[in-house]
Amino acid sequence: MIRTATPADVPVIHGLVRDLAAYEKALDEARATPGQLHEALFGERPAAYAHIAESETGEVVGFALWFLNFSTWRGVHGIYLEDLYVRPEARGGGHGKALLRELARICVERGYERLEWSVLKWNRPSIDFYESLGARPQDEWSVYRLTDGALAELGAATV
């Protein structure tokens, strides 16, 4: 079962985010607090959205956290999937596909023309799964990121 996350889900979402970070070998980079997640998802001006995957018994087994992006070329919004994670013991049960299906349904319903995400190049099981659904890598693009000191330095620079 897939459902929209509620404020009561924030602690489990926080735990799943940390599980995902550990899986991606970057737990030390996962600094978000439950309070920050609550504000981002349910604050006065939500910046992100989440869906929860539950087992037949109602146990939370995965989540998708996403936000809107915008294509100047298409002139419409799209969804950027920030995190998709299913607990290892629940993988293969269709939860990841169901989460992606729900996001695709939202795109179609709202007239969004893209559903995009990033995947680590070493994560072959996820790559194979995404490609089985018809997703294709955007190999001609490279992702760049400013964080920490470099971001602070550039942001403090005067023009």
C-alpha atoms as a PDB file:
ATOM      1  CA  MET A   1       0.000   0.000   0.000  1.00  0.00           C
ATOM      2  CA  ILE A   2       1.226   3.489  -0.864  1.00  0.00           C
ATOM      3  CA  ARG A   3      -0.033   6.514   1.027  1.00  0.00           C
ATOM      4  CA  THR A   4       0.844  10.163   1.487  1.00  0.00           C
ATOM      5  CA  ALA A   5       3.071  10.744   4.500  1.00  0.00           C
ATOM      6  CA  THR A   6       1.648  12.436   7.593  1.00  0.00           C
ATOM      7  CA  PRO A   7       3.407  14.378  10.370  1.00  0.00           C
ATOM      8  CA  ALA A   8       3.343  11.210  12.484  1.00  0.00           C
ATOM      9  CA  ASP A   9       5.598   9.555   9.874  1.00  0.00           C
ATOM     10  CA  VAL A  10       8.489  11.991  10.369  1.00  0.00           C
ATOM     11  CA  PRO A  11      10.414   9.797  12.846  1.00  0.00           C
ATOM     12  CA  VAL A  12      10.244   6.759  10.558  1.00  0.00           C
ATOM     13  CA  ILE A  13      11.131   8.876   7.501  1.00  0.00           C
ATOM     14  CA  HIS A  14      14.139  10.210   9.407  1.00  0.00           C
ATOM     15  CA  GLY A  15      15.196   6.650  10.208  1.00  0.00           C
ATOM     16  CA  LEU A  16      14.778   5.563   6.585  1.00  0.00           C
ATOM     17  CA  VAL A  17      16.816   8.554   5.387  1.00  0.00           C
ATOM     18  CA  ARG A  18      19.615   7.458   7.709  1.00  0.00           C
ATOM     19  CA  ASP A  19      19.306   3.848   6.506  1.00  0.00           C
ATOM     20  CA  LEU A  20      19.586   5.067   2.909  1.00  0.00           C
ATOM     21  CA  ALA A  21      22.626   7.194   3.754  1.00  0.00           C
ATOM     22  CA  ALA A  22      24.297   4.184   5.382  1.00  0.00           C
ATOM     23  CA  TYR A  23      23.510   2.050   2.301  1.00  0.00           C
ATOM     24  CA  GLU A  24      25.067   4.757   0.118  1.00  0.00           C
ATOM     25  CA  LYS A  25      28.159   4.798   2.353  1.00  0.00           C
ATOM     26  CA  ALA A  26      27.581   8.414   3.387  1.00  0.00           C
ATOM     27  CA  LEU A  27      25.951   8.270   6.817  1.00  0.00           C
ATOM     28  CA  ASP A  28      28.191  11.087   8.077  1.00  0.00           C
ATOM     29  CA  GLU A  29      26.621  13.396   5.463  1.00  0.00           C
ATOM     30  CA  ALA A  30      23.037  12.741   6.638  1.00  0.00           C
ATOM     31  CA  ARG A  31      22.647  15.630   9.068  1.00  0.00           C
ATOM     32  CA  ALA A  32      18.937  16.402   8.699  1.00  0.00           C
ATOM     33  CA  THR A  33      17.006  16.350  11.945  1.00  0.00           C
ATOM     34  CA  PRO A  34      13.432  15.179  12.428  1.00  0.00           C
ATOM     35  CA  GLY A  35      12.523  18.833  13.050  1.00  0.00           C
ATOM     36  CA  GLN A  36      13.997  19.899   9.729  1.00  0.00           C
ATOM     37  CA  LEU A  37      12.169  17.129   7.909  1.00  0.00           C
ATOM     38  CA  HIS A  38       8.910  18.064   9.624  1.00  0.00           C
ATOM     39  CA  GLU A  39       9.313  21.708   8.569  1.00  0.00           C
ATOM     40  CA  ALA A  40      10.223  20.767   4.979  1.00  0.00           C
ATOM     41  CA  LEU A  41       7.293  18.372   4.614  1.00  0.00           C
ATOM     42  CA  PHE A  42       4.576  19.917   6.790  1.00  0.00           C
ATOM     43  CA  GLY A  43       5.610  23.469   7.615  1.00  0.00           C
ATOM     44  CA  GLU A  44       3.851  26.645   6.551  1.00  0.00           C
ATOM     45  CA  ARG A  45       5.447  26.441   3.086  1.00  0.00           C
ATOM     46  CA  PRO A  46       6.255  22.783   2.354  1.00  0.00           C
ATOM     47  CA  ALA A  47       9.311  22.354   0.155  1.00  0.00           C
ATOM     48  CA  ALA A  48       9.046  18.598  -0.277  1.00  0.00           C
ATOM     49  CA  TYR A  49       6.531  15.772  -0.229  1.00  0.00           C
ATOM     50  CA  ALA A  50       6.700  12.146   0.811  1.00  0.00           C
ATOM     51  CA  HIS A  51       4.902   8.899   0.215  1.00  0.00           C
ATOM     52  CA  ILE A  52       5.085   5.830   2.406  1.00  0.00           C
ATOM     53  CA  ALA A  53       5.100   2.168   1.368  1.00  0.00           C
ATOM     54  CA  GLU A  54       3.502  -0.187   3.851  1.00  0.00           C
ATOM     55  CA  SER A  55       3.475  -3.962   4.022  1.00  0.00           C
ATOM     56  CA  GLU A  56       0.255  -5.954   4.181  1.00  0.00           C
ATOM     57  CA  THR A  57       0.505  -5.743   7.982  1.00  0.00           C
ATOM     58  CA  GLY A  58       0.813  -1.948   7.993  1.00  0.00           C
ATOM     59  CA  GLU A  59       4.558  -1.842   8.694  1.00  0.00           C
ATOM     60  CA  VAL A  60       6.419   1.013   6.964  1.00  0.00           C
ATOM     61  CA  VAL A  61       8.872  -0.633   4.567  1.00  0.00           C
ATOM     62  CA  GLY A  62       9.912   2.281   2.352  1.00  0.00           C
ATOM     63  CA  PHE A  63       9.419   5.839   1.262  1.00  0.00           C
ATOM     64  CA  ALA A  64       9.809   8.309  -1.571  1.00  0.00           C
ATOM     65  CA  LEU A  65      10.671  11.941  -0.849  1.00  0.00           C
ATOM     66  CA  TRP A  66      10.304  14.383  -3.730  1.00  0.00           C
ATOM     67  CA  PHE A  67       9.882  17.999  -4.741  1.00  0.00           C
ATOM     68  CA  LEU A  68       8.834  19.956  -7.795  1.00  0.00           C
ATOM     69  CA  ASN A  69      11.284  21.118 -10.389  1.00  0.00           C
ATOM     70  CA  PHE A  70      10.601  23.156 -13.516  1.00  0.00           C
ATOM     71  CA  SER A  71      11.638  22.698 -17.128  1.00  0.00           C
ATOM     72  CA  THR A  72      12.105  25.918 -19.073  1.00  0.00           C
ATOM     73  CA  TRP A  73      12.189  23.812 -22.232  1.00  0.00           C
ATOM     74  CA  ARG A  74       8.879  22.100 -21.557  1.00  0.00           C
ATOM     75  CA  GLY A  75       7.295  25.011 -19.685  1.00  0.00           C
ATOM     76  CA  VAL A  76       5.876  22.824 -16.949  1.00  0.00           C
ATOM     77  CA  HIS A  77       6.790  21.329 -13.599  1.00  0.00           C
ATOM     78  CA  GLY A  78       8.200  17.889 -13.068  1.00  0.00           C
ATOM     79  CA  ILE A  79       8.984  15.782 -10.045  1.00  0.00           C
ATOM     80  CA  TYR A  80      12.510  15.348  -8.767  1.00  0.00           C
ATOM     81  CA  LEU A  81      12.774  12.223  -6.651  1.00  0.00           C
ATOM     82  CA  GLU A  82      15.290  12.996  -3.924  1.00  0.00           C
ATOM     83  CA  ASP A  83      15.108   9.678  -2.095  1.00  0.00           C
ATOM     84  CA  LEU A  84      13.592   6.295  -2.830  1.00  0.00           C
ATOM     85  CA  TYR A  85      14.324   3.606  -0.290  1.00  0.00           C
ATOM     86  CA  VAL A  86      12.863   0.224   0.543  1.00  0.00           C
ATOM     87  CA  ARG A  87      14.174  -1.726   3.508  1.00  0.00           C
ATOM     88  CA  PRO A  88      16.358  -4.659   2.393  1.00  0.00           C
ATOM     89  CA  GLU A  89      14.030  -7.294   3.850  1.00  0.00           C
ATOM     90  CA  ALA A  90      11.112  -5.864   1.826  1.00  0.00           C
ATOM     91  CA  ARG A  91      12.899  -5.544  -1.524  1.00  0.00           C
ATOM     92  CA  GLY A  92      11.462  -7.551  -4.358  1.00  0.00           C
ATOM     93  CA  GLY A  93       7.943  -7.106  -2.996  1.00  0.00           C
ATOM     94  CA  GLY A  94       6.942  -4.398  -5.490  1.00  0.00           C
ATOM     95  CA  HIS A  95       7.137  -1.482  -3.035  1.00  0.00           C
ATOM     96  CA  GLY A  96       9.702   0.521  -5.018  1.00  0.00           C
ATOM     97  CA  LYS A  97       7.739   0.070  -8.223  1.00  0.00           C
ATOM     98  CA  ALA A  98       4.530   1.063  -6.441  1.00  0.00           C
ATOM     99  CA  LEU A  99       6.158   4.241  -5.110  1.00  0.00           C
ATOM    100  CA  LEU A 100       7.424   5.166  -8.587  1.00  0.00           C
ATOM    101  CA  ARG A 101       4.038   4.316 -10.086  1.00  0.00           C
ATOM    102  CA  GLU A 102       2.385   6.738  -7.644  1.00  0.00           C
ATOM    103  CA  LEU A 103       4.794   9.529  -8.592  1.00  0.00           C
ATOM    104  CA  ALA A 104       4.239   8.815 -12.285  1.00  0.00           C
ATOM    105  CA  ARG A 105       0.475   8.928 -11.664  1.00  0.00           C
ATOM    106  CA  ILE A 106       0.856  12.344 -10.007  1.00  0.00           C
ATOM    107  CA  CYS A 107       2.875  13.564 -12.997  1.00  0.00           C
ATOM    108  CA  VAL A 108       0.240  12.421 -15.469  1.00  0.00           C
ATOM    109  CA  GLU A 109      -2.656  13.755 -13.384  1.00  0.00           C
ATOM    110  CA  ARG A 110      -1.064  17.195 -12.962  1.00  0.00           C
ATOM    111  CA  GLY A 111       0.421  17.549 -16.434  1.00  0.00           C
ATOM    112  CA  TYR A 112       4.032  17.287 -15.268  1.00  0.00           C
ATOM    113  CA  GLU A 113       6.262  16.018 -18.044  1.00  0.00           C
ATOM    114  CA  ARG A 114       9.277  14.641 -16.183  1.00  0.00           C
ATOM    115  CA  LEU A 115      10.052  12.327 -13.301  1.00  0.00           C
ATOM    116  CA  GLU A 116      13.779  12.506 -12.612  1.00  0.00           C
ATOM    117  CA  TRP A 117      16.261  11.257 -10.030  1.00  0.00           C
ATOM    118  CA  SER A 118      19.925  10.439  -9.570  1.00  0.00           C
ATOM    119  CA  VAL A 119      21.493   7.079  -8.825  1.00  0.00           C
ATOM    120  CA  LEU A 120      25.025   6.256  -7.764  1.00  0.00           C
ATOM    121  CA  LYS A 121      26.997   4.684 -10.599  1.00  0.00           C
ATOM    122  CA  TRP A 122      27.982   1.696  -8.434  1.00  0.00           C
ATOM    123  CA  ASN A 123      24.376   0.902  -7.483  1.00  0.00           C
ATOM    124  CA  ARG A 124      23.788  -1.707 -10.189  1.00  0.00           C
ATOM    125  CA  PRO A 125      20.686  -3.295  -8.557  1.00  0.00           C
ATOM    126  CA  SER A 126      18.900   0.072  -8.585  1.00  0.00           C
ATOM    127  CA  ILE A 127      20.083   0.922 -12.095  1.00  0.00           C
ATOM    128  CA  ASP A 128      18.785  -2.410 -13.386  1.00  0.00           C
ATOM    129  CA  PHE A 129      15.468  -1.855 -11.606  1.00  0.00           C
ATOM    130  CA  TYR A 130      15.028   1.661 -13.028  1.00  0.00           C
ATOM    131  CA  GLU A 131      15.921   0.566 -16.538  1.00  0.00           C
ATOM    132  CA  SER A 132      13.426  -2.307 -16.293  1.00  0.00           C
ATOM    133  CA  LEU A 133      10.732   0.346 -15.844  1.00  0.00           C
ATOM    134  CA  GLY A 134      11.840   2.229 -18.971  1.00  0.00           C
ATOM    135  CA  ALA A 135      13.959   4.919 -17.286  1.00  0.00           C
ATOM    136  CA  ARG A 136      17.074   5.940 -19.184  1.00  0.00           C
ATOM    137  CA  PRO A 137      20.278   7.537 -17.877  1.00  0.00           C
ATOM    138  CA  GLN A 138      21.058  11.099 -18.869  1.00  0.00           C
ATOM    139  CA  ASP A 139      24.730  10.397 -19.514  1.00  0.00           C
ATOM    140  CA  GLU A 140      25.424  13.676 -21.268  1.00  0.00           C
ATOM    141  CA  TRP A 141      24.895  15.618 -18.023  1.00  0.00           C
ATOM    142  CA  SER A 142      27.142  15.817 -14.980  1.00  0.00           C
ATOM    143  CA  VAL A 143      25.821  16.789 -11.576  1.00  0.00           C
ATOM    144  CA  TYR A 144      27.674  19.568  -9.780  1.00  0.00           C
ATOM    145  CA  ARG A 145      27.265  20.505  -6.149  1.00  0.00           C
ATOM    146  CA  LEU A 146      28.432  23.303  -3.878  1.00  0.00           C
ATOM    147  CA  THR A 147      28.369  22.570  -0.143  1.00  0.00           C
ATOM    148  CA  ASP A 148      30.026  23.505   3.100  1.00  0.00           C
ATOM    149  CA  GLY A 149      33.079  25.774   2.751  1.00  0.00           C
ATOM    150  CA  ALA A 150      32.879  26.224  -1.021  1.00  0.00           C
ATOM    151  CA  LEU A 151      29.231  27.267  -0.791  1.00  0.00           C
ATOM    152  CA  ALA A 152      29.918  29.648   2.082  1.00  0.00           C
ATOM    153  CA  GLU A 153      32.886  31.173   0.271  1.00  0.00           C
ATOM    154  CA  LEU A 154      30.978  31.761  -2.953  1.00  0.00           C
ATOM    155  CA  GLY A 155      27.928  33.046  -1.096  1.00  0.00           C
ATOM    156  CA  ALA A 156      30.015  35.521   0.874  1.00  0.00           C
ATOM    157  CA  ALA A 157      31.842  36.869  -2.167  1.00  0.00           C
ATOM    158  CA  THR A 158      31.002  40.368  -3.307  1.00  0.00           C
ATOM    159  CA  VAL A 159      30.552  41.098  -6.949  1.00  0.00           C
END
